[in-house]
Amino acid sequence: MRDQRPTNTARRKKRYEEQLMRGITTPPCVLCIEAHHTAGAHHDSQLKAHVCQKHHRAIHEQILRAEISLTFEPDRNKRIAMALRSAAVYDRERADAMDRWAAWLYAPTFLQLQQ
């Protein structure tokens, strides 16, 4: 996915790094779980996935890079389109994770067959 607004992305990243340096924000721990509105809270407030703060920020950043509006859209068709696009960003991350897990399961079997 190409970054549609690299200047805004760089600005957000810089601001976050400055906050980390000043101790305003802290890195997430394993127990820092947040509800992520996978379709956007203003598009579907009931669809949620629980992720750690680190991954919540990362997914949110990808949504912003894709120029998916997270503000309320009065036009129902546009709102559904934004919800689908936002959910797709989360689902791509989830699919990549499942692919990694499958590779972990497959790797030992594959190595045993080679011996």
C-alpha atoms as a PDB file:
ATOM      1  CA  MET A   1       0.000   0.000   0.000  1.00  0.00           C
ATOM      2  CA  ARG A   2       1.461   3.339  -1.046  1.00  0.00           C
ATOM      3  CA  ASP A   3       1.524   6.157   1.492  1.00  0.00           C
ATOM      4  CA  GLN A   4      -0.842   8.813   0.132  1.00  0.00           C
ATOM      5  CA  ARG A   5       0.427  11.572   2.435  1.00  0.00           C
ATOM      6  CA  PRO A   6       4.047  10.926   3.415  1.00  0.00           C
ATOM      7  CA  THR A   7       4.457  14.393   4.961  1.00  0.00           C
ATOM      8  CA  ASN A   8       1.586  13.806   7.403  1.00  0.00           C
ATOM      9  CA  THR A   9       2.899  10.320   8.167  1.00  0.00           C
ATOM     10  CA  ALA A  10       6.378  11.668   8.906  1.00  0.00           C
ATOM     11  CA  ARG A  11       4.903  14.404  11.110  1.00  0.00           C
ATOM     12  CA  ARG A  12       2.878  11.888  13.165  1.00  0.00           C
ATOM     13  CA  LYS A  13       5.901   9.588  13.515  1.00  0.00           C
ATOM     14  CA  LYS A  14       8.149  12.474  14.591  1.00  0.00           C
ATOM     15  CA  ARG A  15       5.571  13.695  17.134  1.00  0.00           C
ATOM     16  CA  TYR A  16       5.261  10.200  18.599  1.00  0.00           C
ATOM     17  CA  GLU A  17       9.047   9.799  18.831  1.00  0.00           C
ATOM     18  CA  GLU A  18       9.318  13.160  20.612  1.00  0.00           C
ATOM     19  CA  GLN A  19       6.628  12.082  23.073  1.00  0.00           C
ATOM     20  CA  LEU A  20       8.522   8.862  23.759  1.00  0.00           C
ATOM     21  CA  MET A  21      11.748  10.808  24.399  1.00  0.00           C
ATOM     22  CA  ARG A  22      10.015  13.176  26.841  1.00  0.00           C
ATOM     23  CA  GLY A  23       8.263  10.316  28.622  1.00  0.00           C
ATOM     24  CA  ILE A  24       4.802  11.586  27.737  1.00  0.00           C
ATOM     25  CA  THR A  25       3.802   8.250  26.283  1.00  0.00           C
ATOM     26  CA  THR A  26       5.076   4.855  27.300  1.00  0.00           C
ATOM     27  CA  PRO A  27       5.691   1.809  25.120  1.00  0.00           C
ATOM     28  CA  PRO A  28       2.917  -0.785  25.414  1.00  0.00           C
ATOM     29  CA  CYS A  29       3.273  -3.848  27.583  1.00  0.00           C
ATOM     30  CA  VAL A  30       1.741  -7.254  26.942  1.00  0.00           C
ATOM     31  CA  LEU A  31      -1.203  -6.399  29.191  1.00  0.00           C
ATOM     32  CA  CYS A  32      -2.095  -3.130  27.407  1.00  0.00           C
ATOM     33  CA  ILE A  33      -5.074  -4.284  25.380  1.00  0.00           C
ATOM     34  CA  GLU A  34      -7.427  -1.874  23.624  1.00  0.00           C
ATOM     35  CA  ALA A  35     -10.617  -2.319  21.643  1.00  0.00           C
ATOM     36  CA  HIS A  36      -9.929  -1.485  18.003  1.00  0.00           C
ATOM     37  CA  HIS A  37     -12.999  -0.549  15.965  1.00  0.00           C
ATOM     38  CA  THR A  38     -12.048  -2.494  12.864  1.00  0.00           C
ATOM     39  CA  ALA A  39     -14.585  -0.687  10.663  1.00  0.00           C
ATOM     40  CA  GLY A  40     -14.101   2.693  12.369  1.00  0.00           C
ATOM     41  CA  ALA A  41     -16.104   3.724  15.445  1.00  0.00           C
ATOM     42  CA  HIS A  42     -18.208   6.205  13.467  1.00  0.00           C
ATOM     43  CA  HIS A  43     -18.964   3.640  10.765  1.00  0.00           C
ATOM     44  CA  ASP A  44     -19.786   0.619  12.989  1.00  0.00           C
ATOM     45  CA  SER A  45     -19.313   1.054  16.712  1.00  0.00           C
ATOM     46  CA  GLN A  46     -20.072  -2.591  17.512  1.00  0.00           C
ATOM     47  CA  LEU A  47     -17.393  -4.309  15.400  1.00  0.00           C
ATOM     48  CA  LYS A  48     -14.276  -4.484  17.571  1.00  0.00           C
ATOM     49  CA  ALA A  49     -11.091  -6.498  17.920  1.00  0.00           C
ATOM     50  CA  HIS A  50      -8.861  -6.434  20.976  1.00  0.00           C
ATOM     51  CA  VAL A  51      -5.243  -5.558  20.223  1.00  0.00           C
ATOM     52  CA  CYS A  52      -2.302  -4.191  22.191  1.00  0.00           C
ATOM     53  CA  GLN A  53      -1.592  -0.448  22.089  1.00  0.00           C
ATOM     54  CA  LYS A  54       1.400  -0.933  19.800  1.00  0.00           C
ATOM     55  CA  HIS A  55      -0.582  -2.785  17.151  1.00  0.00           C
ATOM     56  CA  HIS A  56      -3.601  -0.517  17.604  1.00  0.00           C
ATOM     57  CA  ARG A  57      -1.385   2.459  16.726  1.00  0.00           C
ATOM     58  CA  ALA A  58       0.157   0.584  13.784  1.00  0.00           C
ATOM     59  CA  ILE A  59      -3.214  -0.413  12.298  1.00  0.00           C
ATOM     60  CA  HIS A  60      -4.608   3.085  12.863  1.00  0.00           C
ATOM     61  CA  GLU A  61      -1.570   4.523  11.089  1.00  0.00           C
ATOM     62  CA  GLN A  62      -2.172   2.235   8.116  1.00  0.00           C
ATOM     63  CA  ILE A  63      -5.804   3.372   7.975  1.00  0.00           C
ATOM     64  CA  LEU A  64      -4.693   7.011   7.926  1.00  0.00           C
ATOM     65  CA  ARG A  65      -2.095   6.284   5.230  1.00  0.00           C
ATOM     66  CA  ALA A  66      -4.809   4.727   3.086  1.00  0.00           C
ATOM     67  CA  GLU A  67      -6.787   7.988   3.464  1.00  0.00           C
ATOM     68  CA  ILE A  68      -9.762   6.232   5.021  1.00  0.00           C
ATOM     69  CA  SER A  69     -11.913   8.792   6.798  1.00  0.00           C
ATOM     70  CA  LEU A  70     -12.757   7.862  10.373  1.00  0.00           C
ATOM     71  CA  THR A  71     -15.193  10.740  10.845  1.00  0.00           C
ATOM     72  CA  PHE A  72     -18.940  10.231  10.585  1.00  0.00           C
ATOM     73  CA  GLU A  73     -20.170  10.072   7.010  1.00  0.00           C
ATOM     74  CA  PRO A  74     -23.884  10.920   6.624  1.00  0.00           C
ATOM     75  CA  ASP A  75     -24.131   9.209   3.229  1.00  0.00           C
ATOM     76  CA  ARG A  76     -24.872   5.555   4.020  1.00  0.00           C
ATOM     77  CA  ASN A  77     -23.109   4.135   0.945  1.00  0.00           C
ATOM     78  CA  LYS A  78     -19.943   6.147   1.569  1.00  0.00           C
ATOM     79  CA  ARG A  79     -20.040   5.186   5.272  1.00  0.00           C
ATOM     80  CA  ILE A  80     -20.276   1.485   4.386  1.00  0.00           C
ATOM     81  CA  ALA A  81     -17.452   1.863   1.865  1.00  0.00           C
ATOM     82  CA  MET A  82     -15.243   3.487   4.537  1.00  0.00           C
ATOM     83  CA  ALA A  83     -16.161   0.737   7.018  1.00  0.00           C
ATOM     84  CA  LEU A  84     -15.236  -1.967   4.501  1.00  0.00           C
ATOM     85  CA  ARG A  85     -11.935  -0.307   3.616  1.00  0.00           C
ATOM     86  CA  SER A  86     -11.043   0.152   7.288  1.00  0.00           C
ATOM     87  CA  ALA A  87     -11.918  -3.454   8.115  1.00  0.00           C
ATOM     88  CA  ALA A  88      -9.841  -4.592   5.125  1.00  0.00           C
ATOM     89  CA  VAL A  89      -6.715  -2.963   6.613  1.00  0.00           C
ATOM     90  CA  TYR A  90      -7.224  -4.910   9.845  1.00  0.00           C
ATOM     91  CA  ASP A  91      -8.044  -8.121   7.976  1.00  0.00           C
ATOM     92  CA  ARG A  92      -4.841  -7.867   5.911  1.00  0.00           C
ATOM     93  CA  GLU A  93      -2.825  -7.681   9.141  1.00  0.00           C
ATOM     94  CA  ARG A  94      -4.775 -10.621  10.536  1.00  0.00           C
ATOM     95  CA  ALA A  95      -4.240 -12.660   7.341  1.00  0.00           C
ATOM     96  CA  ASP A  96      -0.492 -11.964   7.472  1.00  0.00           C
ATOM     97  CA  ALA A  97      -0.427 -13.216  11.079  1.00  0.00           C
ATOM     98  CA  MET A  98      -2.264 -16.407  10.133  1.00  0.00           C
ATOM     99  CA  ASP A  99       0.175 -16.973   7.288  1.00  0.00           C
ATOM    100  CA  ARG A 100       3.096 -16.641   9.736  1.00  0.00           C
ATOM    101  CA  TRP A 101       1.454 -19.108  12.123  1.00  0.00           C
ATOM    102  CA  ALA A 102       0.909 -21.593   9.312  1.00  0.00           C
ATOM    103  CA  ALA A 103       4.567 -21.260   8.316  1.00  0.00           C
ATOM    104  CA  TRP A 104       5.611 -21.962  11.900  1.00  0.00           C
ATOM    105  CA  LEU A 105       3.501 -25.124  11.923  1.00  0.00           C
ATOM    106  CA  TYR A 106       4.706 -26.195   8.497  1.00  0.00           C
ATOM    107  CA  ALA A 107       8.410 -25.453   8.996  1.00  0.00           C
ATOM    108  CA  PRO A 108       9.223 -28.327  11.424  1.00  0.00           C
ATOM    109  CA  THR A 109       7.292 -30.837   9.293  1.00  0.00           C
ATOM    110  CA  PHE A 110       9.029 -29.655   6.153  1.00  0.00           C
ATOM    111  CA  LEU A 111      12.440 -29.932   7.805  1.00  0.00           C
ATOM    112  CA  GLN A 112      11.686 -33.461   9.049  1.00  0.00           C
ATOM    113  CA  LEU A 113      10.705 -34.544   5.533  1.00  0.00           C
ATOM    114  CA  GLN A 114      14.002 -33.231   4.158  1.00  0.00           C
ATOM    115  CA  GLN A 115      16.087 -35.395   6.544  1.00  0.00           C
END
